Structure formats: structure tokens, C-alpha cells
PDB file of all heavy atoms in Angstrom:
ATOM      1  N   SER A   1      10.523  80.914 269.147  1.00  0.00           N
ATOM      2  CA  SER A   1       9.286  81.605 268.870  1.00  0.00           C
ATOM      3  C   SER A   1       9.006  81.681 267.354  1.00  0.00           C
ATOM      4  O   SER A   1       9.506  82.518 266.658  1.00  0.00           O
ATOM      5  CB  SER A   1       9.319  83.111 269.440  1.00  0.00           C
ATOM      6  OG  SER A   1       9.528  83.091 270.844  1.00  0.00           O
ATOM      7  N   PRO A   2       8.287  80.634 266.852  1.00  0.00           N
ATOM      8  CA  PRO A   2       7.872  80.687 265.541  1.00  0.00           C
ATOM      9  C   PRO A   2       7.134  81.818 265.045  1.00  0.00           C
ATOM     10  O   PRO A   2       6.291  82.365 265.715  1.00  0.00           O
ATOM     11  CB  PRO A   2       7.081  79.358 265.306  1.00  0.00           C
ATOM     12  CG  PRO A   2       7.523  78.588 266.484  1.00  0.00           C
ATOM     13  CD  PRO A   2       7.712  79.500 267.603  1.00  0.00           C
ATOM     14  N   VAL A   3       7.338  82.276 263.737  1.00  0.00           N
ATOM     15  CA  VAL A   3       6.731  83.371 263.181  1.00  0.00           C
ATOM     16  C   VAL A   3       5.679  82.890 262.101  1.00  0.00           C
ATOM     17  O   VAL A   3       6.112  82.105 261.266  1.00  0.00           O
ATOM     18  CB  VAL A   3       7.764  84.299 262.427  1.00  0.00           C
ATOM     19  CG1 VAL A   3       6.970  85.468 261.840  1.00  0.00           C
ATOM     20  CG2 VAL A   3       8.746  84.818 263.484  1.00  0.00           C
ATOM     21  N   PRO A   4       4.481  83.369 262.076  1.00  0.00           N
ATOM     22  CA  PRO A   4       3.476  82.772 261.149  1.00  0.00           C
ATOM     23  C   PRO A   4       3.814  83.295 259.735  1.00  0.00           C
ATOM     24  O   PRO A   4       4.227  84.504 259.563  1.00  0.00           O
ATOM     25  CB  PRO A   4       2.230  83.433 261.686  1.00  0.00           C
ATOM     26  CG  PRO A   4       2.458  84.534 262.383  1.00  0.00           C
ATOM     27  CD  PRO A   4       3.788  84.210 263.149  1.00  0.00           C
ATOM     28  N   LEU A   5       3.592  82.477 258.760  1.00  0.00           N
ATOM     29  CA  LEU A   5       3.867  82.817 257.316  1.00  0.00           C
ATOM     30  C   LEU A   5       2.649  82.876 256.586  1.00  0.00           C
ATOM     31  O   LEU A   5       2.600  83.424 255.499  1.00  0.00           O
ATOM     32  CB  LEU A   5       4.769  81.750 256.682  1.00  0.00           C
ATOM     33  CG  LEU A   5       6.199  81.481 257.285  1.00  0.00           C
ATOM     34  CD1 LEU A   5       6.994  80.413 256.454  1.00  0.00           C
ATOM     35  CD2 LEU A   5       6.999  82.782 257.259  1.00  0.00           C
ATOM     36  N   THR A   6       1.497  82.182 257.024  1.00  0.00           N
ATOM     37  CA  THR A   6       0.259  82.223 256.322  1.00  0.00           C
ATOM     38  C   THR A   6      -0.888  82.728 257.313  1.00  0.00           C
ATOM     39  O   THR A   6      -0.649  82.662 258.504  1.00  0.00           O
ATOM     40  CB  THR A   6      -0.092  80.795 255.811  1.00  0.00           C
ATOM     41  OG1 THR A   6      -0.142  79.825 256.761  1.00  0.00           O
ATOM     42  CG2 THR A   6       0.880  80.422 254.660  1.00  0.00           C
ATOM     43  N   SER A   7      -1.964  82.999 256.740  1.00  0.00           N
ATOM     44  CA  SER A   7      -3.108  83.671 257.462  1.00  0.00           C
ATOM     45  C   SER A   7      -3.881  82.651 258.337  1.00  0.00           C
ATOM     46  O   SER A   7      -3.931  81.435 257.992  1.00  0.00           O
ATOM     47  CB  SER A   7      -4.069  84.251 256.530  1.00  0.00           C
ATOM     48  OG  SER A   7      -3.417  85.220 255.780  1.00  0.00           O
ATOM     49  N   ALA A   8      -4.398  83.122 259.489  1.00  0.00           N
ATOM     50  CA  ALA A   8      -5.333  82.247 260.262  1.00  0.00           C
ATOM     51  C   ALA A   8      -6.695  82.170 259.538  1.00  0.00           C
ATOM     52  O   ALA A   8      -7.080  83.195 258.712  1.00  0.00           O
ATOM     53  CB  ALA A   8      -5.419  82.902 261.576  1.00  0.00           C
ATOM     54  N   ASP A   9      -7.388  81.169 259.777  1.00  0.00           N
ATOM     55  CA  ASP A   9      -8.783  81.006 259.313  1.00  0.00           C
ATOM     56  C   ASP A   9      -8.923  81.139 257.818  1.00  0.00           C
ATOM     57  O   ASP A   9      -9.941  81.602 257.188  1.00  0.00           O
ATOM     58  CB  ASP A   9      -9.725  82.107 259.966  1.00  0.00           C
ATOM     59  CG  ASP A   9      -9.728  82.033 261.452  1.00  0.00           C
ATOM     60  OD1 ASP A   9      -9.688  80.857 261.962  1.00  0.00           O
ATOM     61  OD2 ASP A   9      -9.646  83.021 262.065  1.00  0.00           O
ATOM     62  N   SER A  10      -7.868  80.633 257.077  1.00  0.00           N
ATOM     63  CA  SER A  10      -7.921  80.738 255.608  1.00  0.00           C
ATOM     64  C   SER A  10      -8.452  79.544 255.000  1.00  0.00           C
ATOM     65  O   SER A  10      -8.782  79.560 253.711  1.00  0.00           O
ATOM     66  CB  SER A  10      -6.469  80.983 255.126  1.00  0.00           C
ATOM     67  OG  SER A  10      -5.612  79.900 255.452  1.00  0.00           O
ATOM     68  N   GLY A  11      -8.557  78.406 255.785  1.00  0.00           N
ATOM     69  CA  GLY A  11      -9.081  77.154 255.127  1.00  0.00           C
ATOM     70  C   GLY A  11      -7.971  76.448 254.470  1.00  0.00           C
ATOM     71  O   GLY A  11      -8.224  75.428 253.807  1.00  0.00           O
ATOM     72  N   PHE A  12      -6.635  76.903 254.541  1.00  0.00           N
ATOM     73  CA  PHE A  12      -5.553  76.281 253.893  1.00  0.00           C
ATOM     74  C   PHE A  12      -4.921  75.260 254.809  1.00  0.00           C
ATOM     75  O   PHE A  12      -4.808  75.377 255.985  1.00  0.00           O
ATOM     76  CB  PHE A  12      -4.479  77.346 253.541  1.00  0.00           C
ATOM     77  CG  PHE A  12      -4.898  78.336 252.588  1.00  0.00           C
ATOM     78  CD1 PHE A  12      -4.208  79.504 252.520  1.00  0.00           C
ATOM     79  CD2 PHE A  12      -6.000  78.156 251.689  1.00  0.00           C
ATOM     80  CE1 PHE A  12      -4.588  80.613 251.600  1.00  0.00           C
ATOM     81  CE2 PHE A  12      -6.356  79.241 250.817  1.00  0.00           C
ATOM     82  CZ  PHE A  12      -5.742  80.367 250.736  1.00  0.00           C
ATOM     83  N   ARG A  13      -4.387  74.183 254.041  1.00  0.00           N
ATOM     84  CA  ARG A  13      -3.562  73.152 254.725  1.00  0.00           C
ATOM     85  C   ARG A  13      -2.433  73.067 253.690  1.00  0.00           C
ATOM     86  O   ARG A  13      -2.511  73.113 252.460  1.00  0.00           O
ATOM     87  CB  ARG A  13      -4.258  71.862 254.957  1.00  0.00           C
ATOM     88  CG  ARG A  13      -5.455  71.991 255.848  1.00  0.00           C
ATOM     89  CD  ARG A  13      -6.267  70.600 255.919  1.00  0.00           C
ATOM     90  NE  ARG A  13      -7.460  70.702 256.663  1.00  0.00           N
ATOM     91  CZ  ARG A  13      -8.253  69.749 256.978  1.00  0.00           C
ATOM     92  NH1 ARG A  13      -7.952  68.477 256.460  1.00  0.00           N
ATOM     93  NH2 ARG A  13      -9.294  69.946 257.653  1.00  0.00           N
ATOM     94  N   PHE A  14      -1.182  72.692 254.221  1.00  0.00           N
ATOM     95  CA  PHE A  14      -0.006  72.495 253.434  1.00  0.00           C
ATOM     96  C   PHE A  14       0.746  71.276 253.684  1.00  0.00           C
ATOM     97  O   PHE A  14       0.901  70.870 254.807  1.00  0.00           O
ATOM     98  CB  PHE A  14       0.922  73.674 253.538  1.00  0.00           C
ATOM     99  CG  PHE A  14       0.334  75.055 253.285  1.00  0.00           C
ATOM    100  CD1 PHE A  14      -0.301  75.740 254.233  1.00  0.00           C
ATOM    101  CD2 PHE A  14       0.420  75.595 251.987  1.00  0.00           C
ATOM    102  CE1 PHE A  14      -0.905  76.995 254.132  1.00  0.00           C
ATOM    103  CE2 PHE A  14      -0.244  76.823 251.727  1.00  0.00           C
ATOM    104  CZ  PHE A  14      -0.817  77.521 252.738  1.00  0.00           C
ATOM    105  N   ALA A  15       1.266  70.653 252.547  1.00  0.00           N
ATOM    106  CA  ALA A  15       2.001  69.372 252.882  1.00  0.00           C
ATOM    107  C   ALA A  15       3.085  69.224 251.719  1.00  0.00           C
ATOM    108  O   ALA A  15       3.112  70.018 250.894  1.00  0.00           O
ATOM    109  CB  ALA A  15       1.050  68.040 252.799  1.00  0.00           C
ATOM    110  N   ASP A  16       4.025  68.297 251.964  1.00  0.00           N
ATOM    111  CA  ASP A  16       5.075  67.945 250.938  1.00  0.00           C
ATOM    112  C   ASP A  16       5.980  69.228 250.754  1.00  0.00           C
ATOM    113  O   ASP A  16       6.267  69.602 249.706  1.00  0.00           O
ATOM    114  CB  ASP A  16       4.535  67.487 249.632  1.00  0.00           C
ATOM    115  CG  ASP A  16       5.569  66.741 248.845  1.00  0.00           C
ATOM    116  OD1 ASP A  16       6.709  66.603 249.278  1.00  0.00           O
ATOM    117  OD2 ASP A  16       5.178  66.299 247.714  1.00  0.00           O
ATOM    118  N   LEU A  17       6.414  69.876 251.931  1.00  0.00           N
ATOM    119  CA  LEU A  17       7.115  71.126 251.863  1.00  0.00           C
ATOM    120  C   LEU A  17       8.500  70.920 251.442  1.00  0.00           C
ATOM    121  O   LEU A  17       9.320  69.949 251.868  1.00  0.00           O
ATOM    122  CB  LEU A  17       7.124  71.674 253.279  1.00  0.00           C
ATOM    123  CG  LEU A  17       5.717  71.895 254.027  1.00  0.00           C
ATOM    124  CD1 LEU A  17       6.083  72.744 255.337  1.00  0.00           C
ATOM    125  CD2 LEU A  17       4.830  72.634 253.186  1.00  0.00           C
ATOM    126  N   THR A  18       9.028  71.796 250.496  1.00  0.00           N
ATOM    127  CA  THR A  18      10.493  71.800 250.111  1.00  0.00           C
ATOM    128  C   THR A  18      10.834  73.278 249.924  1.00  0.00           C
ATOM    129  O   THR A  18       9.983  74.087 249.554  1.00  0.00           O
ATOM    130  CB  THR A  18      10.587  71.031 248.797  1.00  0.00           C
ATOM    131  OG1 THR A  18       9.853  71.647 247.727  1.00  0.00           O
ATOM    132  CG2 THR A  18      10.405  69.519 248.950  1.00  0.00           C
ATOM    133  N   TRP A  19      12.016  73.533 250.193  1.00  0.00           N
ATOM    134  CA  TRP A  19      12.597  74.921 250.002  1.00  0.00           C
ATOM    135  C   TRP A  19      13.043  75.065 248.519  1.00  0.00           C
ATOM    136  O   TRP A  19      13.516  74.168 247.886  1.00  0.00           O
ATOM    137  CB  TRP A  19      13.857  75.118 250.897  1.00  0.00           C
ATOM    138  CG  TRP A  19      13.587  75.425 252.294  1.00  0.00           C
ATOM    139  CD1 TRP A  19      13.270  74.569 253.317  1.00  0.00           C
ATOM    140  CD2 TRP A  19      13.613  76.643 252.870  1.00  0.00           C
ATOM    141  NE1 TRP A  19      13.113  75.184 254.442  1.00  0.00           N
ATOM    142  CE2 TRP A  19      13.310  76.412 254.286  1.00  0.00           C
ATOM    143  CE3 TRP A  19      13.865  78.003 252.423  1.00  0.00           C
ATOM    144  CZ2 TRP A  19      13.374  77.619 255.223  1.00  0.00           C
ATOM    145  CZ3 TRP A  19      13.966  79.055 253.326  1.00  0.00           C
ATOM    146  CH2 TRP A  19      13.599  78.881 254.702  1.00  0.00           C
ATOM    147  N   ARG A  20      12.825  76.322 248.022  1.00  0.00           N
ATOM    148  CA  ARG A  20      13.318  76.659 246.626  1.00  0.00           C
ATOM    149  C   ARG A  20      13.389  78.197 246.619  1.00  0.00           C
ATOM    150  O   ARG A  20      12.389  78.808 246.555  1.00  0.00           O
ATOM    151  CB  ARG A  20      12.427  76.077 245.647  1.00  0.00           C
ATOM    152  CG  ARG A  20      12.994  76.302 244.149  1.00  0.00           C
ATOM    153  CD  ARG A  20      12.211  75.634 243.126  1.00  0.00           C
ATOM    154  NE  ARG A  20      12.734  75.667 241.729  1.00  0.00           N
ATOM    155  CZ  ARG A  20      12.477  76.690 240.933  1.00  0.00           C
ATOM    156  NH1 ARG A  20      11.617  77.668 241.233  1.00  0.00           N
ATOM    157  NH2 ARG A  20      13.073  76.762 239.797  1.00  0.00           N
ATOM    158  N   ASP A  21      14.596  78.743 246.568  1.00  0.00           N
ATOM    159  CA  ASP A  21      14.854  80.090 246.174  1.00  0.00           C
ATOM    160  C   ASP A  21      14.006  81.096 247.052  1.00  0.00           C
ATOM    161  O   ASP A  21      13.260  81.956 246.646  1.00  0.00           O
ATOM    162  CB  ASP A  21      14.482  80.460 244.681  1.00  0.00           C
ATOM    163  CG  ASP A  21      15.343  79.666 243.761  1.00  0.00           C
ATOM    164  OD1 ASP A  21      16.490  79.310 244.146  1.00  0.00           O
ATOM    165  OD2 ASP A  21      14.980  79.410 242.660  1.00  0.00           O
ATOM    166  N   GLY A  22      14.027  80.880 248.431  1.00  0.00           N
ATOM    167  CA  GLY A  22      13.350  81.745 249.266  1.00  0.00           C
ATOM    168  C   GLY A  22      11.883  81.559 249.389  1.00  0.00           C
ATOM    169  O   GLY A  22      11.163  82.373 250.009  1.00  0.00           O
ATOM    170  N   GLU A  23      11.392  80.448 248.864  1.00  0.00           N
ATOM    171  CA  GLU A  23      10.002  80.144 248.862  1.00  0.00           C
ATOM    172  C   GLU A  23       9.814  78.651 249.445  1.00  0.00           C
ATOM    173  O   GLU A  23      10.839  77.876 249.280  1.00  0.00           O
ATOM    174  CB  GLU A  23       9.345  80.261 247.593  1.00  0.00           C
ATOM    175  CG  GLU A  23       9.352  81.668 247.093  1.00  0.00           C
ATOM    176  CD  GLU A  23       8.644  81.682 245.621  1.00  0.00           C
ATOM    177  OE1 GLU A  23       9.050  80.778 244.830  1.00  0.00           O
ATOM    178  OE2 GLU A  23       7.846  82.603 245.401  1.00  0.00           O
ATOM    179  N   ILE A  24       8.624  78.288 249.977  1.00  0.00           N
ATOM    180  CA  ILE A  24       8.391  76.909 250.207  1.00  0.00           C
ATOM    181  C   ILE A  24       7.386  76.552 249.130  1.00  0.00           C
ATOM    182  O   ILE A  24       6.401  77.098 248.855  1.00  0.00           O
ATOM    183  CB  ILE A  24       7.682  76.784 251.561  1.00  0.00           C
ATOM    184  CG1 ILE A  24       8.675  77.087 252.706  1.00  0.00           C
ATOM    185  CG2 ILE A  24       7.101  75.468 251.766  1.00  0.00           C
ATOM    186  CD1 ILE A  24       9.693  76.015 252.797  1.00  0.00           C
ATOM    187  N   ILE A  25       7.849  75.424 248.407  1.00  0.00           N
ATOM    188  CA  ILE A  25       6.940  74.777 247.437  1.00  0.00           C
ATOM    189  C   ILE A  25       6.126  73.739 248.238  1.00  0.00           C
ATOM    190  O   ILE A  25       6.654  72.886 248.963  1.00  0.00           O
ATOM    191  CB  ILE A  25       7.699  74.116 246.333  1.00  0.00           C
ATOM    192  CG1 ILE A  25       8.639  75.149 245.688  1.00  0.00           C
ATOM    193  CG2 ILE A  25       6.810  73.581 245.323  1.00  0.00           C
ATOM    194  CD1 ILE A  25       7.981  76.429 245.210  1.00  0.00           C
ATOM    195  N   ALA A  26       4.776  73.645 248.024  1.00  0.00           N
ATOM    196  CA  ALA A  26       3.912  72.813 248.682  1.00  0.00           C
ATOM    197  C   ALA A  26       2.665  72.383 247.996  1.00  0.00           C
ATOM    198  O   ALA A  26       2.278  73.038 246.997  1.00  0.00           O
ATOM    199  CB  ALA A  26       3.500  73.492 250.071  1.00  0.00           C
ATOM    200  N   VAL A  27       2.129  71.322 248.329  1.00  0.00           N
ATOM    201  CA  VAL A  27       0.730  70.936 247.949  1.00  0.00           C
ATOM    202  C   VAL A  27      -0.190  71.685 248.899  1.00  0.00           C
ATOM    203  O   VAL A  27      -0.079  71.440 250.218  1.00  0.00           O
ATOM    204  CB  VAL A  27       0.630  69.420 247.953  1.00  0.00           C
ATOM    205  CG1 VAL A  27      -0.957  69.148 247.656  1.00  0.00           C
ATOM    206  CG2 VAL A  27       1.337  68.771 246.954  1.00  0.00           C
ATOM    207  N   ARG A  28      -1.038  72.505 248.365  1.00  0.00           N
ATOM    208  CA  ARG A  28      -2.076  73.162 249.329  1.00  0.00           C
ATOM    209  C   ARG A  28      -3.422  72.552 249.128  1.00  0.00           C
ATOM    210  O   ARG A  28      -3.856  72.268 248.005  1.00  0.00           O
ATOM    211  CB  ARG A  28      -2.116  74.693 248.848  1.00  0.00           C
ATOM    212  CG  ARG A  28      -3.145  75.424 249.719  1.00  0.00           C
ATOM    213  CD  ARG A  28      -3.069  76.973 249.354  1.00  0.00           C
ATOM    214  NE  ARG A  28      -3.521  77.305 248.052  1.00  0.00           N
ATOM    215  CZ  ARG A  28      -3.620  78.559 247.555  1.00  0.00           C
ATOM    216  NH1 ARG A  28      -3.400  79.568 248.349  1.00  0.00           N
ATOM    217  NH2 ARG A  28      -3.978  78.725 246.206  1.00  0.00           N
ATOM    218  N   GLU A  29      -4.130  72.394 250.241  1.00  0.00           N
ATOM    219  CA  GLU A  29      -5.505  71.930 250.328  1.00  0.00           C
ATOM    220  C   GLU A  29      -6.325  72.973 250.820  1.00  0.00           C
ATOM    221  O   GLU A  29      -6.086  73.564 251.932  1.00  0.00           O
ATOM    222  CB  GLU A  29      -5.488  70.706 251.206  1.00  0.00           C
ATOM    223  CG  GLU A  29      -6.857  69.904 251.212  1.00  0.00           C
ATOM    224  CD  GLU A  29      -6.707  68.675 251.986  1.00  0.00           C
ATOM    225  OE1 GLU A  29      -6.274  67.599 251.444  1.00  0.00           O
ATOM    226  OE2 GLU A  29      -6.962  68.672 253.219  1.00  0.00           O
TER     227      GLU A  29
END
């Protein structure tokens, strides 16, 4: 059961995901 990390209907897209110190570094569109 995946848990959402970001909001619905925000207009955001994310790519090139990498882990770093408890965060996900990404390119956001």
C-alpha cells in the first residue's frame, strides 16, 4: 500500500529521482 508523498492536483511531475539524506532529489516539472 503506497503512501502519497506529494499533493494531488498540484500540477507537479517528477523525474530523475535519487535518494539523499532522507529526501528525494528530482527534476520537477
